[in-house]
């Protein structure tokens, strides 16, 4: 469903997961149902935010490496030069 962009099958999958005897899946499905329109769109549309998430992850890593050692201006320079 995720790799083939078949979000229309989400409701059927959630019904099967609810019928199953696994409490962890029930909790997961409840979370999906809270924002089902967004989840369905994410599983259907070809656009994603993977590139942005990768940059955010890289910036967070740089920030952790410099924890307590640098002010925002030095962190900004390091982020700009790390590409």
PDB file of N, CA and C in Angstrom:
ATOM      1  N   UNK A   1       0.830  -1.183   0.000  1.00  0.00           N
ATOM      2  CA  UNK A   1       0.000   0.000   0.000  1.00  0.00           C
ATOM      3  C   UNK A   1       0.880   1.254   0.000  1.00  0.00           C
ATOM      4  N   UNK A   2       1.984   1.222   0.728  1.00  0.00           N
ATOM      5  CA  UNK A   2       2.833   2.411   0.826  1.00  0.00           C
ATOM      6  C   UNK A   2       3.661   2.632  -0.433  1.00  0.00           C
ATOM      7  N   UNK A   3       4.208   1.591  -0.991  1.00  0.00           N
ATOM      8  CA  UNK A   3       5.079   1.766  -2.153  1.00  0.00           C
ATOM      9  C   UNK A   3       4.300   1.884  -3.457  1.00  0.00           C
ATOM     10  N   UNK A   4       3.092   1.380  -3.482  1.00  0.00           N
ATOM     11  CA  UNK A   4       2.280   1.412  -4.705  1.00  0.00           C
ATOM     12  C   UNK A   4       1.281   2.561  -4.715  1.00  0.00           C
ATOM     13  N   UNK A   5       1.321   3.434  -3.687  1.00  0.00           N
ATOM     14  CA  UNK A   5       0.415   4.584  -3.578  1.00  0.00           C
ATOM     15  C   UNK A   5      -1.049   4.160  -3.660  1.00  0.00           C
ATOM     16  N   UNK A   6      -1.421   3.199  -2.842  1.00  0.00           N
ATOM     17  CA  UNK A   6      -2.788   2.673  -2.842  1.00  0.00           C
ATOM     18  C   UNK A   6      -3.493   3.049  -1.536  1.00  0.00           C
ATOM     19  N   UNK A   7      -3.600   4.341  -1.286  1.00  0.00           N
ATOM     20  CA  UNK A   7      -4.234   4.831  -0.070  1.00  0.00           C
ATOM     21  C   UNK A   7      -5.705   4.481   0.035  1.00  0.00           C
ATOM     22  N   UNK A   8      -6.334   4.212  -1.089  1.00  0.00           N
ATOM     23  CA  UNK A   8      -7.755   3.866  -1.068  1.00  0.00           C
ATOM     24  C   UNK A   8      -7.996   2.550  -0.328  1.00  0.00           C
ATOM     25  N   UNK A   9      -6.969   1.748  -0.134  1.00  0.00           N
ATOM     26  CA  UNK A   9      -7.096   0.469   0.578  1.00  0.00           C
ATOM     27  C   UNK A   9      -6.903   0.616   2.080  1.00  0.00           C
ATOM     28  N   UNK A  10      -6.661   1.823   2.554  1.00  0.00           N
ATOM     29  CA  UNK A  10      -6.387   2.043   3.972  1.00  0.00           C
ATOM     30  C   UNK A  10      -7.557   1.640   4.859  1.00  0.00           C
ATOM     31  N   UNK A  11      -8.761   2.026   4.482  1.00  0.00           N
ATOM     32  CA  UNK A  11      -9.937   1.713   5.310  1.00  0.00           C
ATOM     33  C   UNK A  11     -10.107   0.209   5.478  1.00  0.00           C
ATOM     34  N   UNK A  12      -9.912  -0.526   4.404  1.00  0.00           N
ATOM     35  CA  UNK A  12     -10.029  -1.992   4.477  1.00  0.00           C
ATOM     36  C   UNK A  12      -8.950  -2.561   5.396  1.00  0.00           C
ATOM     37  N   UNK A  13      -7.730  -2.042   5.286  1.00  0.00           N
ATOM     38  CA  UNK A  13      -6.638  -2.529   6.135  1.00  0.00           C
ATOM     39  C   UNK A  13      -6.930  -2.224   7.602  1.00  0.00           C
ATOM     40  N   UNK A  14      -7.449  -1.017   7.876  1.00  0.00           N
ATOM     41  CA  UNK A  14      -7.738  -0.653   9.269  1.00  0.00           C
ATOM     42  C   UNK A  14      -8.857  -1.511   9.843  1.00  0.00           C
ATOM     43  N   UNK A  15      -9.839  -1.863   9.036  1.00  0.00           N
ATOM     44  CA  UNK A  15     -10.915  -2.746   9.502  1.00  0.00           C
ATOM     45  C   UNK A  15     -10.369  -4.123   9.850  1.00  0.00           C
ATOM     46  N   UNK A  16      -9.470  -4.633   9.016  1.00  0.00           N
ATOM     47  CA  UNK A  16      -8.852  -5.941   9.297  1.00  0.00           C
ATOM     48  C   UNK A  16      -7.988  -5.870  10.555  1.00  0.00           C
ATOM     49  N   UNK A  17      -7.268  -4.764  10.741  1.00  0.00           N
ATOM     50  CA  UNK A  17      -6.413  -4.610  11.916  1.00  0.00           C
ATOM     51  C   UNK A  17      -7.260  -4.517  13.184  1.00  0.00           C
ATOM     52  N   UNK A  18      -8.408  -3.845  13.106  1.00  0.00           N
ATOM     53  CA  UNK A  18      -9.309  -3.766  14.259  1.00  0.00           C
ATOM     54  C   UNK A  18      -9.869  -5.134  14.623  1.00  0.00           C
ATOM     55  N   UNK A  19     -10.114  -5.972  13.619  1.00  0.00           N
ATOM     56  CA  UNK A  19     -10.669  -7.304  13.855  1.00  0.00           C
ATOM     57  C   UNK A  19      -9.625  -8.263  14.407  1.00  0.00           C
ATOM     58  N   UNK A  20      -8.356  -7.942  14.231  1.00  0.00           N
ATOM     59  CA  UNK A  20      -7.274  -8.803  14.704  1.00  0.00           C
ATOM     60  C   UNK A  20      -7.136  -8.695  16.218  1.00  0.00           C
ATOM     61  N   UNK A  21      -6.444  -9.661  16.818  1.00  0.00           N
ATOM     62  CA  UNK A  21      -6.296  -9.707  18.279  1.00  0.00           C
ATOM     63  C   UNK A  21      -4.927  -9.170  18.701  1.00  0.00           C
ATOM     64  N   UNK A  22      -4.602  -7.946  18.279  1.00  0.00           N
ATOM     65  CA  UNK A  22      -3.330  -7.336  18.643  1.00  0.00           C
ATOM     66  C   UNK A  22      -3.579  -5.915  19.141  1.00  0.00           C
ATOM     67  N   UNK A  23      -3.517  -5.705  20.441  1.00  0.00           N
ATOM     68  CA  UNK A  23      -3.820  -4.393  21.016  1.00  0.00           C
ATOM     69  C   UNK A  23      -2.934  -3.267  20.474  1.00  0.00           C
ATOM     70  N   UNK A  24      -1.684  -3.557  20.156  1.00  0.00           N
ATOM     71  CA  UNK A  24      -0.795  -2.518  19.629  1.00  0.00           C
ATOM     72  C   UNK A  24      -1.304  -2.010  18.277  1.00  0.00           C
ATOM     73  N   UNK A  25      -1.824  -2.911  17.455  1.00  0.00           N
ATOM     74  CA  UNK A  25      -2.395  -2.497  16.170  1.00  0.00           C
ATOM     75  C   UNK A  25      -3.656  -1.671  16.369  1.00  0.00           C
ATOM     76  N   UNK A  26      -4.451  -2.004  17.375  1.00  0.00           N
ATOM     77  CA  UNK A  26      -5.665  -1.245  17.647  1.00  0.00           C
ATOM     78  C   UNK A  26      -5.311   0.200  17.989  1.00  0.00           C
ATOM     79  N   UNK A  27      -4.285   0.367  18.800  1.00  0.00           N
ATOM     80  CA  UNK A  27      -3.828   1.709  19.177  1.00  0.00           C
ATOM     81  C   UNK A  27      -3.317   2.466  17.961  1.00  0.00           C
ATOM     82  N   UNK A  28      -2.570   1.789  17.096  1.00  0.00           N
ATOM     83  CA  UNK A  28      -2.038   2.406  15.881  1.00  0.00           C
ATOM     84  C   UNK A  28      -3.172   2.863  14.966  1.00  0.00           C
ATOM     85  N   UNK A  29      -4.169   2.026  14.801  1.00  0.00           N
ATOM     86  CA  UNK A  29      -5.313   2.347  13.940  1.00  0.00           C
ATOM     87  C   UNK A  29      -6.088   3.534  14.514  1.00  0.00           C
ATOM     88  N   UNK A  30      -6.234   3.593  15.841  1.00  0.00           N
ATOM     89  CA  UNK A  30      -6.912   4.746  16.449  1.00  0.00           C
ATOM     90  C   UNK A  30      -6.171   6.032  16.105  1.00  0.00           C
ATOM     91  N   UNK A  31      -4.850   5.988  16.138  1.00  0.00           N
ATOM     92  CA  UNK A  31      -4.054   7.155  15.769  1.00  0.00           C
ATOM     93  C   UNK A  31      -4.226   7.528  14.309  1.00  0.00           C
ATOM     94  N   UNK A  32      -4.291   6.533  13.436  1.00  0.00           N
ATOM     95  CA  UNK A  32      -4.511   6.805  12.018  1.00  0.00           C
ATOM     96  C   UNK A  32      -5.875   7.425  11.772  1.00  0.00           C
ATOM     97  N   UNK A  33      -6.872   6.945  12.494  1.00  0.00           N
ATOM     98  CA  UNK A  33      -8.237   7.453  12.294  1.00  0.00           C
ATOM     99  C   UNK A  33      -8.376   8.913  12.725  1.00  0.00           C
ATOM    100  N   UNK A  34      -7.528   9.377  13.634  1.00  0.00           N
ATOM    101  CA  UNK A  34      -7.614  10.772  14.080  1.00  0.00           C
ATOM    102  C   UNK A  34      -7.380  11.747  12.939  1.00  0.00           C
ATOM    103  N   UNK A  35      -6.546  11.363  11.992  1.00  0.00           N
ATOM    104  CA  UNK A  35      -6.262  12.243  10.852  1.00  0.00           C
ATOM    105  C   UNK A  35      -6.260  11.414   9.569  1.00  0.00           C
ATOM    106  N   UNK A  36      -7.330  10.695   9.374  1.00  0.00           N
ATOM    107  CA  UNK A  36      -7.405   9.735   8.277  1.00  0.00           C
ATOM    108  C   UNK A  36      -7.299  10.390   6.906  1.00  0.00           C
ATOM    109  N   UNK A  37      -7.838  11.585   6.743  1.00  0.00           N
ATOM    110  CA  UNK A  37      -7.756  12.253   5.434  1.00  0.00           C
ATOM    111  C   UNK A  37      -6.297  12.517   5.058  1.00  0.00           C
ATOM    112  N   UNK A  38      -5.515  12.998   6.016  1.00  0.00           N
ATOM    113  CA  UNK A  38      -4.097  13.279   5.739  1.00  0.00           C
ATOM    114  C   UNK A  38      -3.325  11.990   5.472  1.00  0.00           C
ATOM    115  N   UNK A  39      -3.607  10.947   6.231  1.00  0.00           N
ATOM    116  CA  UNK A  39      -2.915   9.664   6.034  1.00  0.00           C
ATOM    117  C   UNK A  39      -3.250   9.094   4.666  1.00  0.00           C
ATOM    118  N   UNK A  40      -4.516   9.144   4.289  1.00  0.00           N
ATOM    119  CA  UNK A  40      -4.923   8.644   2.971  1.00  0.00           C
ATOM    120  C   UNK A  40      -4.244   9.441   1.861  1.00  0.00           C
ATOM    121  N   UNK A  41      -4.200  10.761   2.024  1.00  0.00           N
ATOM    122  CA  UNK A  41      -3.531  11.596   1.019  1.00  0.00           C
ATOM    123  C   UNK A  41      -2.050  11.256   0.931  1.00  0.00           C
ATOM    124  N   UNK A  42      -1.419  11.032   2.072  1.00  0.00           N
ATOM    125  CA  UNK A  42       0.000  10.676   2.078  1.00  0.00           C
ATOM    126  C   UNK A  42       0.277   9.345   1.410  1.00  0.00           C
ATOM    127  N   UNK A  43      -0.679   8.429   1.498  1.00  0.00           N
ATOM    128  CA  UNK A  43      -0.510   7.117   0.868  1.00  0.00           C
ATOM    129  C   UNK A  43      -0.974   7.099  -0.582  1.00  0.00           C
ATOM    130  N   UNK A  44      -1.561   8.191  -1.066  1.00  0.00           N
ATOM    131  CA  UNK A  44      -2.107   8.228  -2.413  1.00  0.00           C
ATOM    132  C   UNK A  44      -1.309   9.134  -3.346  1.00  0.00           C
ATOM    133  N   UNK A  45      -0.917  10.288  -2.850  1.00  0.00           N
ATOM    134  CA  UNK A  45      -0.232  11.272  -3.705  1.00  0.00           C
ATOM    135  C   UNK A  45       1.227  10.923  -3.902  1.00  0.00           C
ATOM    136  N   UNK A  46       1.768  11.376  -5.012  1.00  0.00           N
ATOM    137  CA  UNK A  46       3.162  11.045  -5.315  1.00  0.00           C
ATOM    138  C   UNK A  46       4.144  12.010  -4.661  1.00  0.00           C
ATOM    139  N   UNK A  47       3.663  13.124  -4.113  1.00  0.00           N
ATOM    140  CA  UNK A  47       4.548  14.090  -3.475  1.00  0.00           C
ATOM    141  C   UNK A  47       4.865  13.647  -2.057  1.00  0.00           C
ATOM    142  N   UNK A  48       6.087  13.960  -1.605  1.00  0.00           N
ATOM    143  CA  UNK A  48       6.452  13.657  -0.225  1.00  0.00           C
ATOM    144  C   UNK A  48       7.459  14.686   0.273  1.00  0.00           C
ATOM    145  N   UNK A  49       7.715  14.672   1.543  1.00  0.00           N
ATOM    146  CA  UNK A  49       8.621  15.639   2.150  1.00  0.00           C
ATOM    147  C   UNK A  49       9.934  14.978   2.562  1.00  0.00           C
ATOM    148  N   UNK A  50      10.303  13.922   1.871  1.00  0.00           N
ATOM    149  CA  UNK A  50      11.515  13.186   2.227  1.00  0.00           C
ATOM    150  C   UNK A  50      12.780  14.019   2.182  1.00  0.00           C
ATOM    151  N   UNK A  51      12.920  14.848   1.160  1.00  0.00           N
ATOM    152  CA  UNK A  51      14.122  15.685   1.050  1.00  0.00           C
ATOM    153  C   UNK A  51      14.200  16.690   2.185  1.00  0.00           C
ATOM    154  N   UNK A  52      13.081  17.294   2.528  1.00  0.00           N
ATOM    155  CA  UNK A  52      13.053  18.260   3.628  1.00  0.00           C
ATOM    156  C   UNK A  52      13.396  17.576   4.938  1.00  0.00           C
ATOM    157  N   UNK A  53      12.819  16.406   5.177  1.00  0.00           N
ATOM    158  CA  UNK A  53      13.098  15.670   6.410  1.00  0.00           C
ATOM    159  C   UNK A  53      14.574  15.312   6.507  1.00  0.00           C
ATOM    160  N   UNK A  54      15.198  15.002   5.382  1.00  0.00           N
ATOM    161  CA  UNK A  54      16.623  14.699   5.388  1.00  0.00           C
ATOM    162  C   UNK A  54      17.460  15.898   5.804  1.00  0.00           C
ATOM    163  N   UNK A  55      17.100  17.080   5.312  1.00  0.00           N
ATOM    164  CA  UNK A  55      17.822  18.294   5.703  1.00  0.00           C
ATOM    165  C   UNK A  55      17.612  18.612   7.178  1.00  0.00           C
ATOM    166  N   UNK A  56      16.387  18.448   7.667  1.00  0.00           N
ATOM    167  CA  UNK A  56      16.103  18.703   9.074  1.00  0.00           C
ATOM    168  C   UNK A  56      16.927  17.755   9.947  1.00  0.00           C
ATOM    169  N   UNK A  57      17.011  16.498   9.556  1.00  0.00           N
ATOM    170  CA  UNK A  57      17.788  15.512  10.310  1.00  0.00           C
ATOM    171  C   UNK A  57      19.261  15.901  10.331  1.00  0.00           C
ATOM    172  N   UNK A  58      19.793  16.355   9.201  1.00  0.00           N
ATOM    173  CA  UNK A  58      21.197  16.770   9.115  1.00  0.00           C
ATOM    174  C   UNK A  58      21.461  17.976  10.014  1.00  0.00           C
ATOM    175  N   UNK A  59      20.558  18.940  10.009  1.00  0.00           N
ATOM    176  CA  UNK A  59      20.719  20.133  10.836  1.00  0.00           C
ATOM    177  C   UNK A  59      20.656  19.784  12.316  1.00  0.00           C
ATOM    178  N   UNK A  60      19.756  18.893  12.689  1.00  0.00           N
ATOM    179  CA  UNK A  60      19.667  18.473  14.088  1.00  0.00           C
ATOM    180  C   UNK A  60      20.941  17.774  14.532  1.00  0.00           C
ATOM    181  N   UNK A  61      21.544  16.969  13.641  1.00  0.00           N
ATOM    182  CA  UNK A  61      22.793  16.299  13.979  1.00  0.00           C
ATOM    183  C   UNK A  61      23.892  17.327  14.231  1.00  0.00           C
ATOM    184  N   UNK A  62      24.002  18.332  13.352  1.00  0.00           N
ATOM    185  CA  UNK A  62      25.008  19.376  13.537  1.00  0.00           C
ATOM    186  C   UNK A  62      24.774  20.134  14.843  1.00  0.00           C
ATOM    187  N   UNK A  63      23.538  20.413  15.150  1.00  0.00           N
ATOM    188  CA  UNK A  63      23.201  21.131  16.377  1.00  0.00           C
ATOM    189  C   UNK A  63      23.601  20.307  17.606  1.00  0.00           C
ATOM    190  N   UNK A  64      23.346  18.989  17.566  1.00  0.00           N
ATOM    191  CA  UNK A  64      23.733  18.124  18.688  1.00  0.00           C
ATOM    192  C   UNK A  64      25.241  18.074  18.865  1.00  0.00           C
ATOM    193  N   UNK A  65      25.969  18.041  17.749  1.00  0.00           N
ATOM    194  CA  UNK A  65      27.429  17.997  17.829  1.00  0.00           C
ATOM    195  C   UNK A  65      27.992  19.253  18.480  1.00  0.00           C
ATOM    196  N   UNK A  66      27.312  20.378  18.305  1.00  0.00           N
ATOM    197  CA  UNK A  66      27.815  21.650  18.805  1.00  0.00           C
ATOM    198  C   UNK A  66      27.130  22.066  20.102  1.00  0.00           C
ATOM    199  N   UNK A  67      26.421  21.172  20.754  1.00  0.00           N
ATOM    200  CA  UNK A  67      25.642  21.507  21.940  1.00  0.00           C
ATOM    201  C   UNK A  67      26.499  22.213  22.989  1.00  0.00           C
ATOM    202  N   UNK A  68      26.065  23.395  23.382  1.00  0.00           N
ATOM    203  CA  UNK A  68      26.754  24.144  24.423  1.00  0.00           C
ATOM    204  C   UNK A  68      28.025  24.829  23.980  1.00  0.00           C
ATOM    205  N   UNK A  69      28.412  24.715  22.736  1.00  0.00           N
ATOM    206  CA  UNK A  69      29.684  25.251  22.275  1.00  0.00           C
ATOM    207  C   UNK A  69      29.557  26.433  21.338  1.00  0.00           C
ATOM    208  N   UNK A  70      28.380  26.657  20.791  1.00  0.00           N
ATOM    209  CA  UNK A  70      28.282  27.677  19.747  1.00  0.00           C
ATOM    210  C   UNK A  70      26.997  28.476  19.873  1.00  0.00           C
ATOM    211  N   UNK A  71      27.092  29.697  19.422  1.00  0.00           N
ATOM    212  CA  UNK A  71      25.913  30.564  19.357  1.00  0.00           C
ATOM    213  C   UNK A  71      25.276  30.383  17.982  1.00  0.00           C
ATOM    214  N   UNK A  72      24.061  30.878  17.808  1.00  0.00           N
ATOM    215  CA  UNK A  72      23.342  30.682  16.536  1.00  0.00           C
ATOM    216  C   UNK A  72      24.106  31.127  15.289  1.00  0.00           C
ATOM    217  N   UNK A  73      24.916  32.181  15.390  1.00  0.00           N
ATOM    218  CA  UNK A  73      25.632  32.638  14.189  1.00  0.00           C
ATOM    219  C   UNK A  73      26.660  31.615  13.713  1.00  0.00           C
ATOM    220  N   UNK A  74      27.369  30.968  14.646  1.00  0.00           N
ATOM    221  CA  UNK A  74      28.337  29.935  14.263  1.00  0.00           C
ATOM    222  C   UNK A  74      27.616  28.681  13.756  1.00  0.00           C
ATOM    223  N   UNK A  75      26.519  28.328  14.394  1.00  0.00           N
ATOM    224  CA  UNK A  75      25.725  27.180  13.939  1.00  0.00           C
ATOM    225  C   UNK A  75      25.235  27.418  12.509  1.00  0.00           C
ATOM    226  N   UNK A  76      24.767  28.624  12.213  1.00  0.00           N
ATOM    227  CA  UNK A  76      24.303  28.962  10.859  1.00  0.00           C
ATOM    228  C   UNK A  76      25.420  28.794   9.841  1.00  0.00           C
ATOM    229  N   UNK A  77      26.608  29.271  10.163  1.00  0.00           N
ATOM    230  CA  UNK A  77      27.744  29.132   9.245  1.00  0.00           C
ATOM    231  C   UNK A  77      28.070  27.674   9.004  1.00  0.00           C
ATOM    232  N   UNK A  78      28.062  26.884  10.065  1.00  0.00           N
ATOM    233  CA  UNK A  78      28.371  25.469   9.925  1.00  0.00           C
ATOM    234  C   UNK A  78      27.329  24.744   9.066  1.00  0.00           C
ATOM    235  N   UNK A  79      26.061  25.102   9.239  1.00  0.00           N
ATOM    236  CA  UNK A  79      24.998  24.491   8.436  1.00  0.00           C
ATOM    237  C   UNK A  79      25.172  24.853   6.974  1.00  0.00           C
ATOM    238  N   UNK A  80      25.458  26.117   6.700  1.00  0.00           N
ATOM    239  CA  UNK A  80      25.616  26.548   5.307  1.00  0.00           C
ATOM    240  C   UNK A  80      26.842  25.939   4.645  1.00  0.00           C
ATOM    241  N   UNK A  81      27.905  25.706   5.410  1.00  0.00           N
ATOM    242  CA  UNK A  81      29.122  25.145   4.834  1.00  0.00           C
ATOM    243  C   UNK A  81      29.121  23.617   4.768  1.00  0.00           C
ATOM    244  N   UNK A  82      28.158  22.970   5.406  1.00  0.00           N
ATOM    245  CA  UNK A  82      28.182  21.502   5.450  1.00  0.00           C
ATOM    246  C   UNK A  82      27.592  20.844   4.220  1.00  0.00           C
ATOM    247  N   UNK A  83      26.978  21.588   3.332  1.00  0.00           N
ATOM    248  CA  UNK A  83      26.401  20.994   2.117  1.00  0.00           C
ATOM    249  C   UNK A  83      27.400  20.455   1.198  1.00  0.00           C
TER     250      UNK A  83
END
